Amino acid sequence: MKRSSKNRLTPNQAGLFKSDSLFDKIARAVCSAGVLPRKELYEAWEMAKRIRRFYRGGRVVDMACGHGLLAHIMLILDQSSPSALAIDSSIPLSAEKLSLSLVDAWPKLKDKVAYRQMAIEDIKVKPGDLIVSAHACGSLTDLVLDKAIEQKARVAVLPCCHDLKTSDIKSIAAWMEGTLAVDVKRAFRLEAAGYIVRTQTIPDDITPKNRLLMGSCK
């Protein structure tokens, strides 16, 4: 079973996740909803579990959230976070179906994840928030970082779709591949803003766009 598959998980595939592990329980709930690509399940899981190794508590703000799976998993992994806000400029109609399936499996999630269809620019971030974003395309990742830095909030992003034409990487472009140069400059930008930066990767058999950039203020 390819973890990078963009095919939707359906109820017929729930039997592939038979164990009592937390991941398999989440996977069965995702299968039950029948709306999410397999790749997004594994991306959200691998990202969330790495973030929670370092950052606990706080309101979760999932920017460019898509179906909002990452927001839900962040709350499942740490019940000390009181709520999550799932933000996107265009939230899929099927997001509610996914949320209901996860709430059915974890009743404590009821009323804890709120979807908001709005621009990232309009979000009001609080200092205690934990900002997360999986594959916010191109400059959207930089906008997510902007919103976090404004309030010195903790942040974790998994960038994608790097725009090399508009990125300011000329000074280091000769030394490294372009998309890596973009993410290195993002890491240095967080450091310059007073953040303790952590860099990790999720498995590349899920996605080649697998660099996880995390930061919290000193």
N, C-alpha and C. Protein backbone atom coordinates (compact mmCIF):
# COMPACT_ATOMS: atom_id res chain seq x y z
N MET A 1 0.84 -1.19 0.00
CA MET A 1 0.00 0.00 0.00
C MET A 1 0.88 1.25 0.00
N LYS A 2 0.81 2.05 -1.05
CA LYS A 2 1.62 3.25 -1.16
C LYS A 2 1.05 4.37 -0.28
N ARG A 3 1.88 4.85 0.62
CA ARG A 3 1.41 5.90 1.51
C ARG A 3 1.26 7.24 0.79
N SER A 4 1.87 7.36 -0.38
CA SER A 4 1.79 8.60 -1.14
C SER A 4 0.59 8.65 -2.08
N SER A 5 -0.25 7.63 -2.07
CA SER A 5 -1.37 7.56 -2.99
C SER A 5 -2.35 8.71 -2.76
N LYS A 6 -2.84 9.28 -3.85
CA LYS A 6 -3.85 10.34 -3.78
C LYS A 6 -5.26 9.78 -3.90
N ASN A 7 -5.39 8.45 -3.95
CA ASN A 7 -6.72 7.84 -3.98
C ASN A 7 -7.40 8.00 -2.63
N ARG A 8 -8.71 8.18 -2.66
CA ARG A 8 -9.46 8.36 -1.42
C ARG A 8 -9.52 7.06 -0.62
N LEU A 9 -9.40 7.21 0.69
CA LEU A 9 -9.66 6.10 1.58
C LEU A 9 -11.17 5.95 1.73
N THR A 10 -11.66 4.72 1.67
CA THR A 10 -13.10 4.46 1.73
C THR A 10 -13.40 3.44 2.82
N PRO A 11 -14.66 3.28 3.20
CA PRO A 11 -15.01 2.29 4.22
C PRO A 11 -14.52 0.88 3.89
N ASN A 12 -14.41 0.57 2.61
CA ASN A 12 -13.95 -0.76 2.21
C ASN A 12 -12.50 -1.01 2.59
N GLN A 13 -11.74 0.05 2.83
CA GLN A 13 -10.32 -0.08 3.17
C GLN A 13 -10.05 -0.05 4.67
N ALA A 14 -11.08 0.09 5.46
CA ALA A 14 -10.89 0.14 6.92
C ALA A 14 -10.21 -1.12 7.44
N GLY A 15 -10.44 -2.25 6.76
CA GLY A 15 -9.83 -3.50 7.19
C GLY A 15 -8.32 -3.54 7.06
N LEU A 16 -7.75 -2.56 6.36
CA LEU A 16 -6.29 -2.49 6.26
C LEU A 16 -5.68 -1.98 7.56
N PHE A 17 -6.50 -1.42 8.42
CA PHE A 17 -6.02 -0.81 9.66
C PHE A 17 -6.69 -1.51 10.84
N LYS A 18 -6.23 -2.70 11.16
CA LYS A 18 -6.94 -3.59 12.08
C LYS A 18 -6.49 -3.47 13.53
N SER A 19 -5.33 -2.91 13.77
CA SER A 19 -4.76 -2.97 15.11
C SER A 19 -5.45 -2.00 16.06
N ASP A 20 -5.06 -2.07 17.34
CA ASP A 20 -5.59 -1.17 18.35
C ASP A 20 -4.75 0.10 18.50
N SER A 21 -3.79 0.30 17.59
CA SER A 21 -2.93 1.48 17.69
C SER A 21 -3.74 2.75 17.45
N LEU A 22 -3.23 3.84 17.96
CA LEU A 22 -3.90 5.13 17.79
C LEU A 22 -3.99 5.49 16.31
N PHE A 23 -2.91 5.26 15.58
CA PHE A 23 -2.94 5.58 14.16
C PHE A 23 -4.02 4.79 13.43
N ASP A 24 -4.11 3.50 13.69
CA ASP A 24 -5.11 2.69 12.99
C ASP A 24 -6.52 3.11 13.35
N LYS A 25 -6.74 3.54 14.58
CA LYS A 25 -8.07 4.02 14.96
C LYS A 25 -8.41 5.30 14.19
N ILE A 26 -7.44 6.20 14.06
CA ILE A 26 -7.66 7.41 13.26
C ILE A 26 -7.91 7.04 11.80
N ALA A 27 -7.11 6.11 11.29
CA ALA A 27 -7.26 5.70 9.89
C ALA A 27 -8.64 5.10 9.62
N ARG A 28 -9.16 4.32 10.56
CA ARG A 28 -10.50 3.75 10.36
C ARG A 28 -11.57 4.84 10.32
N ALA A 29 -11.40 5.86 11.16
CA ALA A 29 -12.35 6.97 11.14
C ALA A 29 -12.28 7.72 9.82
N VAL A 30 -11.07 7.89 9.30
CA VAL A 30 -10.90 8.56 8.00
C VAL A 30 -11.52 7.72 6.90
N CYS A 31 -11.30 6.42 6.95
CA CYS A 31 -11.91 5.52 5.96
C CYS A 31 -13.43 5.62 6.01
N SER A 32 -13.97 5.66 7.21
CA SER A 32 -15.42 5.72 7.37
C SER A 32 -16.01 6.96 6.69
N ALA A 33 -15.28 8.07 6.75
CA ALA A 33 -15.75 9.31 6.12
C ALA A 33 -15.70 9.20 4.60
N GLY A 34 -14.68 8.53 4.08
CA GLY A 34 -14.59 8.30 2.64
C GLY A 34 -14.34 9.54 1.80
N VAL A 35 -13.64 10.53 2.36
CA VAL A 35 -13.46 11.79 1.63
C VAL A 35 -12.00 12.21 1.47
N LEU A 36 -11.08 11.51 2.10
CA LEU A 36 -9.71 12.02 2.18
C LEU A 36 -8.72 11.13 1.44
N PRO A 37 -7.79 11.70 0.68
CA PRO A 37 -6.73 10.90 0.05
C PRO A 37 -5.83 10.26 1.11
N ARG A 38 -5.36 9.06 0.78
CA ARG A 38 -4.49 8.32 1.71
C ARG A 38 -3.27 9.15 2.09
N LYS A 39 -2.68 9.84 1.13
CA LYS A 39 -1.49 10.65 1.36
C LYS A 39 -1.71 11.66 2.49
N GLU A 40 -2.88 12.29 2.52
CA GLU A 40 -3.14 13.32 3.53
C GLU A 40 -3.26 12.74 4.93
N LEU A 41 -3.73 11.52 5.03
CA LEU A 41 -3.77 10.85 6.34
C LEU A 41 -2.37 10.71 6.90
N TYR A 42 -1.46 10.17 6.09
CA TYR A 42 -0.11 9.93 6.57
C TYR A 42 0.66 11.24 6.80
N GLU A 43 0.45 12.23 5.95
CA GLU A 43 1.11 13.53 6.16
C GLU A 43 0.69 14.14 7.49
N ALA A 44 -0.61 14.17 7.74
CA ALA A 44 -1.10 14.79 8.97
C ALA A 44 -0.61 14.05 10.21
N TRP A 45 -0.63 12.73 10.16
CA TRP A 45 -0.18 11.92 11.30
C TRP A 45 1.30 12.14 11.59
N GLU A 46 2.13 12.04 10.56
CA GLU A 46 3.58 12.17 10.75
C GLU A 46 3.95 13.57 11.21
N MET A 47 3.24 14.56 10.70
CA MET A 47 3.51 15.94 11.12
C MET A 47 3.06 16.16 12.55
N ALA A 48 1.84 15.77 12.87
CA ALA A 48 1.28 16.03 14.20
C ALA A 48 2.10 15.37 15.30
N LYS A 49 2.49 14.12 15.10
CA LYS A 49 3.20 13.44 16.19
C LYS A 49 4.57 14.06 16.45
N ARG A 50 5.21 14.61 15.40
CA ARG A 50 6.49 15.29 15.61
C ARG A 50 6.30 16.62 16.32
N ILE A 51 5.26 17.35 15.93
CA ILE A 51 4.99 18.63 16.60
C ILE A 51 4.72 18.42 18.08
N ARG A 52 3.92 17.43 18.40
CA ARG A 52 3.53 17.21 19.80
C ARG A 52 4.67 16.70 20.67
N ARG A 53 5.74 16.25 20.08
CA ARG A 53 6.91 15.88 20.89
C ARG A 53 7.54 17.10 21.53
N PHE A 54 7.31 18.28 20.94
CA PHE A 54 7.92 19.51 21.43
C PHE A 54 6.93 20.50 22.01
N TYR A 55 5.73 20.56 21.45
CA TYR A 55 4.80 21.62 21.81
C TYR A 55 3.48 21.03 22.32
N ARG A 56 3.15 21.38 23.55
CA ARG A 56 1.91 20.91 24.17
C ARG A 56 1.00 22.10 24.47
N GLY A 57 -0.28 21.81 24.58
CA GLY A 57 -1.23 22.83 25.00
C GLY A 57 -1.44 23.93 23.97
N GLY A 58 -2.28 24.89 24.35
CA GLY A 58 -2.57 26.03 23.50
C GLY A 58 -3.66 25.73 22.48
N ARG A 59 -4.32 26.78 22.06
CA ARG A 59 -5.28 26.63 20.96
C ARG A 59 -4.52 26.29 19.68
N VAL A 60 -4.98 25.29 18.96
CA VAL A 60 -4.38 24.92 17.69
C VAL A 60 -5.06 25.74 16.59
N VAL A 61 -4.25 26.36 15.73
CA VAL A 61 -4.79 27.08 14.57
C VAL A 61 -4.19 26.43 13.32
N ASP A 62 -5.03 25.70 12.60
CA ASP A 62 -4.61 24.98 11.41
C ASP A 62 -4.91 25.86 10.20
N MET A 63 -3.86 26.45 9.63
CA MET A 63 -4.03 27.38 8.52
C MET A 63 -3.87 26.67 7.19
N ALA A 64 -4.67 27.07 6.19
CA ALA A 64 -4.76 26.35 4.92
C ALA A 64 -5.08 24.89 5.21
N CYS A 65 -6.14 24.69 5.97
CA CYS A 65 -6.41 23.41 6.64
C CYS A 65 -6.97 22.32 5.73
N GLY A 66 -7.53 22.69 4.57
CA GLY A 66 -8.19 21.67 3.76
C GLY A 66 -9.35 21.07 4.52
N HIS A 67 -9.34 19.75 4.70
CA HIS A 67 -10.40 19.06 5.45
C HIS A 67 -10.25 19.18 6.97
N GLY A 68 -9.11 19.70 7.43
CA GLY A 68 -8.94 19.91 8.86
C GLY A 68 -8.48 18.69 9.64
N LEU A 69 -7.95 17.68 8.96
CA LEU A 69 -7.52 16.48 9.68
C LEU A 69 -6.40 16.79 10.66
N LEU A 70 -5.45 17.63 10.26
CA LEU A 70 -4.33 17.94 11.14
C LEU A 70 -4.83 18.55 12.45
N ALA A 71 -5.80 19.45 12.37
CA ALA A 71 -6.35 20.07 13.59
C ALA A 71 -6.91 19.02 14.53
N HIS A 72 -7.66 18.07 13.98
CA HIS A 72 -8.25 17.01 14.81
C HIS A 72 -7.18 16.14 15.46
N ILE A 73 -6.17 15.74 14.68
CA ILE A 73 -5.13 14.85 15.24
C ILE A 73 -4.34 15.58 16.31
N MET A 74 -4.10 16.87 16.13
CA MET A 74 -3.38 17.62 17.16
C MET A 74 -4.13 17.58 18.49
N LEU A 75 -5.45 17.64 18.47
CA LEU A 75 -6.24 17.57 19.71
C LEU A 75 -6.28 16.14 20.26
N ILE A 76 -6.32 15.17 19.38
CA ILE A 76 -6.31 13.77 19.83
C ILE A 76 -5.01 13.45 20.56
N LEU A 77 -3.91 13.97 20.06
CA LEU A 77 -2.60 13.67 20.65
C LEU A 77 -2.34 14.43 21.95
N ASP A 78 -3.03 15.53 22.15
CA ASP A 78 -2.81 16.32 23.37
C ASP A 78 -4.12 16.95 23.82
N GLN A 79 -4.74 16.35 24.79
CA GLN A 79 -6.04 16.84 25.26
C GLN A 79 -5.92 18.10 26.11
N SER A 80 -4.69 18.55 26.38
CA SER A 80 -4.55 19.81 27.12
C SER A 80 -4.78 21.02 26.23
N SER A 81 -4.80 20.83 24.91
CA SER A 81 -5.21 21.91 24.02
C SER A 81 -6.72 22.02 24.07
N PRO A 82 -7.26 23.18 24.39
CA PRO A 82 -8.70 23.28 24.61
C PRO A 82 -9.54 23.24 23.33
N SER A 83 -8.95 23.67 22.21
CA SER A 83 -9.75 23.76 20.99
C SER A 83 -8.83 23.91 19.79
N ALA A 84 -9.45 23.84 18.61
CA ALA A 84 -8.70 24.06 17.37
C ALA A 84 -9.55 24.88 16.42
N LEU A 85 -8.88 25.74 15.67
CA LEU A 85 -9.51 26.54 14.64
C LEU A 85 -8.93 26.09 13.30
N ALA A 86 -9.79 25.66 12.39
CA ALA A 86 -9.36 25.18 11.07
C ALA A 86 -9.74 26.23 10.04
N ILE A 87 -8.72 26.84 9.42
CA ILE A 87 -8.91 28.00 8.56
C ILE A 87 -8.53 27.66 7.12
N ASP A 88 -9.38 28.06 6.18
CA ASP A 88 -9.03 27.93 4.77
C ASP A 88 -9.88 28.91 3.98
N SER A 89 -9.34 29.37 2.86
CA SER A 89 -10.11 30.27 2.01
C SER A 89 -11.25 29.54 1.30
N SER A 90 -11.13 28.21 1.20
CA SER A 90 -12.19 27.41 0.59
C SER A 90 -12.22 26.04 1.26
N ILE A 91 -13.10 25.87 2.22
CA ILE A 91 -13.19 24.61 2.96
C ILE A 91 -14.09 23.64 2.19
N PRO A 92 -13.60 22.43 1.92
CA PRO A 92 -14.41 21.46 1.18
C PRO A 92 -15.72 21.15 1.90
N LEU A 93 -16.77 20.95 1.14
CA LEU A 93 -18.06 20.60 1.73
C LEU A 93 -17.97 19.29 2.52
N SER A 94 -17.05 18.42 2.10
CA SER A 94 -16.91 17.12 2.76
C SER A 94 -16.12 17.18 4.06
N ALA A 95 -15.61 18.36 4.42
CA ALA A 95 -14.85 18.48 5.67
C ALA A 95 -15.71 18.12 6.87
N GLU A 96 -16.97 18.52 6.84
CA GLU A 96 -17.87 18.22 7.96
C GLU A 96 -18.04 16.72 8.14
N LYS A 97 -18.10 15.99 7.03
CA LYS A 97 -18.25 14.54 7.12
C LYS A 97 -17.04 13.90 7.80
N LEU A 98 -15.86 14.39 7.47
CA LEU A 98 -14.65 13.89 8.12
C LEU A 98 -14.67 14.21 9.61
N SER A 99 -15.04 15.44 9.94
CA SER A 99 -15.06 15.84 11.34
C SER A 99 -16.05 15.00 12.14
N LEU A 100 -17.22 14.77 11.59
CA LEU A 100 -18.23 13.98 12.29
C LEU A 100 -17.75 12.55 12.53
N SER A 101 -17.01 12.00 11.57
CA SER A 101 -16.49 10.64 11.72
C SER A 101 -15.46 10.58 12.85
N LEU A 102 -14.62 11.59 12.93
CA LEU A 102 -13.61 11.63 13.99
C LEU A 102 -14.24 11.89 15.36
N VAL A 103 -15.25 12.74 15.40
CA VAL A 103 -15.96 13.00 16.66
C VAL A 103 -16.69 11.73 17.12
N ASP A 104 -17.20 10.98 16.19
CA ASP A 104 -17.86 9.72 16.54
C ASP A 104 -16.88 8.77 17.22
N ALA A 105 -15.63 8.76 16.76
CA ALA A 105 -14.61 7.90 17.36
C ALA A 105 -14.03 8.51 18.64
N TRP A 106 -14.01 9.85 18.73
CA TRP A 106 -13.49 10.56 19.91
C TRP A 106 -14.54 11.57 20.35
N PRO A 107 -15.52 11.17 21.11
CA PRO A 107 -16.60 12.09 21.51
C PRO A 107 -16.11 13.36 22.21
N LYS A 108 -14.92 13.30 22.83
CA LYS A 108 -14.40 14.49 23.51
C LYS A 108 -14.04 15.60 22.53
N LEU A 109 -13.98 15.29 21.23
CA LEU A 109 -13.69 16.31 20.22
C LEU A 109 -14.91 17.17 19.90
N LYS A 110 -16.07 16.75 20.35
CA LYS A 110 -17.31 17.45 20.01
C LYS A 110 -17.21 18.93 20.38
N ASP A 111 -17.51 19.78 19.42
CA ASP A 111 -17.52 21.24 19.58
C ASP A 111 -16.14 21.85 19.85
N LYS A 112 -15.08 21.07 19.66
CA LYS A 112 -13.74 21.60 19.91
C LYS A 112 -13.02 22.06 18.66
N VAL A 113 -13.47 21.62 17.48
CA VAL A 113 -12.85 22.04 16.23
C VAL A 113 -13.83 22.90 15.46
N ALA A 114 -13.45 24.15 15.24
CA ALA A 114 -14.32 25.09 14.52
C ALA A 114 -13.70 25.41 13.16
N TYR A 115 -14.49 25.28 12.11
CA TYR A 115 -14.04 25.63 10.76
C TYR A 115 -14.39 27.09 10.48
N ARG A 116 -13.47 27.79 9.82
CA ARG A 116 -13.73 29.16 9.41
C ARG A 116 -13.22 29.35 7.98
N GLN A 117 -14.12 29.70 7.08
CA GLN A 117 -13.71 29.98 5.70
C GLN A 117 -13.35 31.45 5.62
N MET A 118 -12.06 31.72 5.56
CA MET A 118 -11.58 33.09 5.59
C MET A 118 -10.13 33.14 5.12
N ALA A 119 -9.65 34.33 4.81
CA ALA A 119 -8.26 34.50 4.41
C ALA A 119 -7.35 34.45 5.63
N ILE A 120 -6.16 33.91 5.44
CA ILE A 120 -5.19 33.84 6.53
C ILE A 120 -4.88 35.24 7.07
N GLU A 121 -4.87 36.24 6.18
CA GLU A 121 -4.57 37.61 6.60
C GLU A 121 -5.53 38.10 7.68
N ASP A 122 -6.74 37.57 7.70
CA ASP A 122 -7.78 38.07 8.61
C ASP A 122 -7.82 37.35 9.96
N ILE A 123 -6.97 36.36 10.14
CA ILE A 123 -6.98 35.60 11.39
C ILE A 123 -6.32 36.40 12.51
N LYS A 124 -6.93 36.39 13.67
CA LYS A 124 -6.34 37.02 14.85
C LYS A 124 -5.66 35.95 15.69
N VAL A 125 -4.35 35.96 15.66
CA VAL A 125 -3.55 34.98 16.39
C VAL A 125 -3.27 35.48 17.79
N LYS A 126 -3.25 34.55 18.76
CA LYS A 126 -2.94 34.88 20.14
C LYS A 126 -1.54 34.34 20.49
N PRO A 127 -0.86 34.97 21.43
CA PRO A 127 0.50 34.52 21.78
C PRO A 127 0.58 33.06 22.21
N GLY A 128 -0.46 32.54 22.84
CA GLY A 128 -0.43 31.16 23.32
C GLY A 128 -0.83 30.12 22.29
N ASP A 129 -1.17 30.57 21.08
CA ASP A 129 -1.62 29.63 20.05
C ASP A 129 -0.47 28.76 19.54
N LEU A 130 -0.86 27.64 18.96
CA LEU A 130 0.07 26.77 18.25
C LEU A 130 -0.39 26.75 16.79
N ILE A 131 0.39 27.41 15.92
CA ILE A 131 0.04 27.55 14.52
C ILE A 131 0.63 26.38 13.74
N VAL A 132 -0.20 25.70 12.96
CA VAL A 132 0.28 24.59 12.14
C VAL A 132 -0.25 24.75 10.72
N SER A 133 0.51 24.24 9.77
CA SER A 133 0.07 24.30 8.38
C SER A 133 0.80 23.25 7.56
N ALA A 134 0.03 22.36 6.95
CA ALA A 134 0.59 21.31 6.10
C ALA A 134 0.39 21.68 4.65
N HIS A 135 1.49 21.93 3.98
CA HIS A 135 1.49 22.20 2.53
C HIS A 135 0.63 23.40 2.14
N ALA A 136 0.86 24.51 2.85
CA ALA A 136 0.33 25.80 2.39
C ALA A 136 1.17 26.21 1.19
N CYS A 137 0.55 26.33 0.03
CA CYS A 137 1.29 26.45 -1.23
C CYS A 137 2.08 27.75 -1.33
N GLY A 138 3.32 27.64 -1.76
CA GLY A 138 4.15 28.78 -2.07
C GLY A 138 4.23 29.81 -0.97
N SER A 139 3.90 31.04 -1.31
CA SER A 139 4.03 32.15 -0.36
C SER A 139 3.03 32.08 0.78
N LEU A 140 2.02 31.19 0.69
CA LEU A 140 1.11 31.04 1.82
C LEU A 140 1.86 30.58 3.07
N THR A 141 2.89 29.76 2.89
CA THR A 141 3.70 29.35 4.05
C THR A 141 4.34 30.56 4.71
N ASP A 142 4.81 31.50 3.91
CA ASP A 142 5.42 32.71 4.48
C ASP A 142 4.39 33.55 5.21
N LEU A 143 3.17 33.55 4.71
CA LEU A 143 2.10 34.28 5.39
C LEU A 143 1.77 33.64 6.74
N VAL A 144 1.78 32.31 6.79
CA VAL A 144 1.59 31.61 8.06
C VAL A 144 2.67 32.00 9.05
N LEU A 145 3.92 32.03 8.59
CA LEU A 145 5.02 32.44 9.46
C LEU A 145 4.84 33.89 9.92
N ASP A 146 4.38 34.75 9.01
CA ASP A 146 4.12 36.16 9.38
C ASP A 146 3.15 36.24 10.55
N LYS A 147 2.04 35.49 10.45
CA LYS A 147 1.01 35.55 11.48
C LYS A 147 1.54 35.04 12.82
N ALA A 148 2.36 34.01 12.80
CA ALA A 148 2.94 33.49 14.04
C ALA A 148 3.91 34.50 14.65
N ILE A 149 4.79 35.05 13.82
CA ILE A 149 5.81 35.97 14.31
C ILE A 149 5.19 37.22 14.92
N GLU A 150 4.07 37.67 14.37
CA GLU A 150 3.40 38.87 14.89
C GLU A 150 3.12 38.76 16.38
N GLN A 151 2.75 37.55 16.83
CA GLN A 151 2.37 37.34 18.23
C GLN A 151 3.36 36.44 18.98
N LYS A 152 4.49 36.12 18.34
CA LYS A 152 5.48 35.22 18.94
C LYS A 152 4.85 33.87 19.30
N ALA A 153 3.90 33.43 18.50
CA ALA A 153 3.23 32.15 18.72
C ALA A 153 4.09 31.00 18.19
N ARG A 154 3.93 29.84 18.77
CA ARG A 154 4.62 28.65 18.27
C ARG A 154 4.09 28.31 16.88
N VAL A 155 4.97 27.75 16.05
CA VAL A 155 4.57 27.50 14.67
C VAL A 155 5.25 26.25 14.12
N ALA A 156 4.54 25.56 13.24
CA ALA A 156 5.10 24.38 12.56
C ALA A 156 4.51 24.33 11.16
N VAL A 157 5.38 24.31 10.14
CA VAL A 157 4.91 24.29 8.76
C VAL A 157 5.62 23.19 7.97
N LEU A 158 4.90 22.65 7.01
CA LEU A 158 5.43 21.68 6.06
C LEU A 158 5.27 22.31 4.68
N PRO A 159 6.29 23.05 4.21
CA PRO A 159 6.11 23.86 3.00
C PRO A 159 5.99 23.02 1.73
N CYS A 160 5.39 23.64 0.71
CA CYS A 160 5.33 23.00 -0.61
C CYS A 160 5.22 24.07 -1.68
N CYS A 161 5.32 23.64 -2.95
CA CYS A 161 5.10 24.51 -4.11
C CYS A 161 5.91 25.80 -4.00
N HIS A 162 7.21 25.67 -3.71
CA HIS A 162 8.07 26.82 -3.55
C HIS A 162 8.13 27.64 -4.84
N ASP A 163 7.99 28.95 -4.72
CA ASP A 163 8.07 29.85 -5.86
C ASP A 163 9.49 30.41 -5.94
N LEU A 164 10.31 29.79 -6.77
CA LEU A 164 11.72 30.18 -6.83
C LEU A 164 11.92 31.52 -7.53
N LYS A 165 10.95 31.94 -8.34
CA LYS A 165 11.10 33.20 -9.07
C LYS A 165 10.95 34.41 -8.15
N THR A 166 10.12 34.28 -7.14
CA THR A 166 9.89 35.43 -6.26
C THR A 166 10.63 35.33 -4.93
N SER A 167 11.25 34.18 -4.67
CA SER A 167 11.94 33.99 -3.39
C SER A 167 13.32 34.64 -3.42
N ASP A 168 13.71 35.24 -2.31
CA ASP A 168 14.98 35.95 -2.21
C ASP A 168 16.09 34.97 -1.79
N ILE A 169 16.57 34.22 -2.78
CA ILE A 169 17.57 33.19 -2.46
C ILE A 169 18.86 33.36 -3.26
N LYS A 170 19.01 34.50 -3.94
CA LYS A 170 20.17 34.67 -4.82
C LYS A 170 21.49 34.49 -4.10
N SER A 171 21.56 34.91 -2.83
CA SER A 171 22.83 34.89 -2.11
C SER A 171 23.31 33.48 -1.81
N ILE A 172 22.40 32.50 -1.79
CA ILE A 172 22.81 31.13 -1.46
C ILE A 172 22.41 30.11 -2.52
N ALA A 173 21.81 30.56 -3.62
CA ALA A 173 21.27 29.65 -4.63
C ALA A 173 22.35 28.79 -5.29
N ALA A 174 23.58 29.29 -5.35
CA ALA A 174 24.65 28.52 -5.99
C ALA A 174 25.14 27.37 -5.12
N TRP A 175 24.78 27.36 -3.86
CA TRP A 175 25.27 26.35 -2.94
C TRP A 175 24.32 25.19 -2.73
N MET A 176 23.02 25.40 -2.99
CA MET A 176 22.06 24.35 -2.68
C MET A 176 20.86 24.42 -3.60
N GLU A 177 20.15 23.32 -3.66
CA GLU A 177 18.94 23.23 -4.47
C GLU A 177 17.95 24.31 -4.05
N GLY A 178 17.20 24.86 -5.00
CA GLY A 178 16.40 26.05 -4.78
C GLY A 178 15.37 25.95 -3.68
N THR A 179 14.59 24.86 -3.65
CA THR A 179 13.55 24.77 -2.63
C THR A 179 14.15 24.65 -1.23
N LEU A 180 15.29 23.99 -1.13
CA LEU A 180 15.98 23.90 0.16
C LEU A 180 16.46 25.27 0.59
N ALA A 181 16.97 26.05 -0.36
CA ALA A 181 17.43 27.40 -0.05
C ALA A 181 16.29 28.25 0.50
N VAL A 182 15.10 28.12 -0.08
CA VAL A 182 13.93 28.86 0.40
C VAL A 182 13.64 28.50 1.85
N ASP A 183 13.66 27.21 2.16
CA ASP A 183 13.32 26.78 3.52
C ASP A 183 14.41 27.12 4.52
N VAL A 184 15.66 27.11 4.08
CA VAL A 184 16.75 27.53 4.96
C VAL A 184 16.58 29.00 5.34
N LYS A 185 16.23 29.83 4.38
CA LYS A 185 16.02 31.25 4.69
C LYS A 185 14.82 31.43 5.62
N ARG A 186 13.80 30.59 5.47
CA ARG A 186 12.66 30.65 6.39
C ARG A 186 13.11 30.32 7.82
N ALA A 187 13.96 29.31 7.95
CA ALA A 187 14.46 28.94 9.28
C ALA A 187 15.27 30.08 9.90
N PHE A 188 16.13 30.70 9.10
CA PHE A 188 16.93 31.81 9.60
C PHE A 188 16.05 33.01 9.94
N ARG A 189 14.96 33.18 9.20
CA ARG A 189 14.03 34.26 9.50
C ARG A 189 13.40 34.08 10.87
N LEU A 190 13.01 32.85 11.19
CA LEU A 190 12.45 32.58 12.51
C LEU A 190 13.49 32.85 13.60
N GLU A 191 14.72 32.41 13.37
CA GLU A 191 15.78 32.65 14.35
C GLU A 191 15.98 34.15 14.57
N ALA A 192 15.97 34.91 13.49
CA ALA A 192 16.16 36.36 13.60
C ALA A 192 15.03 37.02 14.38
N ALA A 193 13.86 36.37 14.40
CA ALA A 193 12.71 36.90 15.14
C ALA A 193 12.68 36.41 16.58
N GLY A 194 13.74 35.71 17.00
CA GLY A 194 13.85 35.29 18.39
C GLY A 194 13.34 33.89 18.67
N TYR A 195 13.18 33.09 17.64
CA TYR A 195 12.66 31.73 17.81
C TYR A 195 13.77 30.71 18.00
N ILE A 196 13.47 29.69 18.79
CA ILE A 196 14.28 28.47 18.81
C ILE A 196 13.73 27.59 17.69
N VAL A 197 14.56 27.29 16.72
CA VAL A 197 14.11 26.59 15.51
C VAL A 197 14.47 25.11 15.57
N ARG A 198 13.54 24.30 15.15
CA ARG A 198 13.77 22.85 15.01
C ARG A 198 13.42 22.44 13.59
N THR A 199 14.30 21.65 12.98
CA THR A 199 14.05 21.17 11.63
C THR A 199 14.04 19.65 11.62
N GLN A 200 13.01 19.09 11.01
CA GLN A 200 12.90 17.65 10.89
C GLN A 200 12.34 17.33 9.51
N THR A 201 12.20 16.05 9.23
CA THR A 201 11.54 15.61 7.99
C THR A 201 10.54 14.52 8.33
N ILE A 202 9.48 14.44 7.52
CA ILE A 202 8.60 13.28 7.59
C ILE A 202 9.07 12.32 6.49
N PRO A 203 8.67 11.05 6.51
CA PRO A 203 9.18 10.08 5.54
C PRO A 203 8.91 10.52 4.10
N ASP A 204 9.95 10.38 3.24
CA ASP A 204 9.81 10.85 1.87
C ASP A 204 9.03 9.90 0.98
N ASP A 205 8.66 8.72 1.50
CA ASP A 205 7.78 7.86 0.70
C ASP A 205 6.33 8.35 0.76
N ILE A 206 6.05 9.30 1.64
CA ILE A 206 4.73 9.92 1.72
C ILE A 206 4.69 11.13 0.79
N THR A 207 5.71 11.97 0.88
CA THR A 207 5.81 13.14 0.01
C THR A 207 7.26 13.58 -0.06
N PRO A 208 7.73 13.99 -1.25
CA PRO A 208 9.08 14.55 -1.34
C PRO A 208 9.16 15.94 -0.72
N LYS A 209 8.01 16.58 -0.53
CA LYS A 209 7.97 17.90 0.11
C LYS A 209 7.80 17.68 1.60
N ASN A 210 8.87 17.22 2.23
CA ASN A 210 8.78 16.63 3.56
C ASN A 210 9.53 17.36 4.65
N ARG A 211 9.95 18.59 4.38
CA ARG A 211 10.71 19.33 5.40
C ARG A 211 9.77 20.00 6.40
N LEU A 212 9.92 19.66 7.66
CA LEU A 212 9.10 20.20 8.73
C LEU A 212 9.90 21.25 9.48
N LEU A 213 9.40 22.49 9.45
CA LEU A 213 10.05 23.62 10.12
C LEU A 213 9.21 24.02 11.33
N MET A 214 9.83 24.03 12.52
CA MET A 214 9.11 24.34 13.75
C MET A 214 9.86 25.43 14.52
N GLY A 215 9.12 26.22 15.26
CA GLY A 215 9.77 27.25 16.05
C GLY A 215 8.93 27.69 17.24
N SER A 216 9.62 28.01 18.33
CA SER A 216 8.98 28.58 19.51
C SER A 216 9.88 29.68 20.05
N CYS A 217 9.29 30.68 20.66
CA CYS A 217 10.09 31.80 21.15
C CYS A 217 10.87 31.45 22.40
N LYS A 218 12.01 32.09 22.56
CA LYS A 218 12.88 31.80 23.69
C LYS A 218 12.26 32.30 24.99
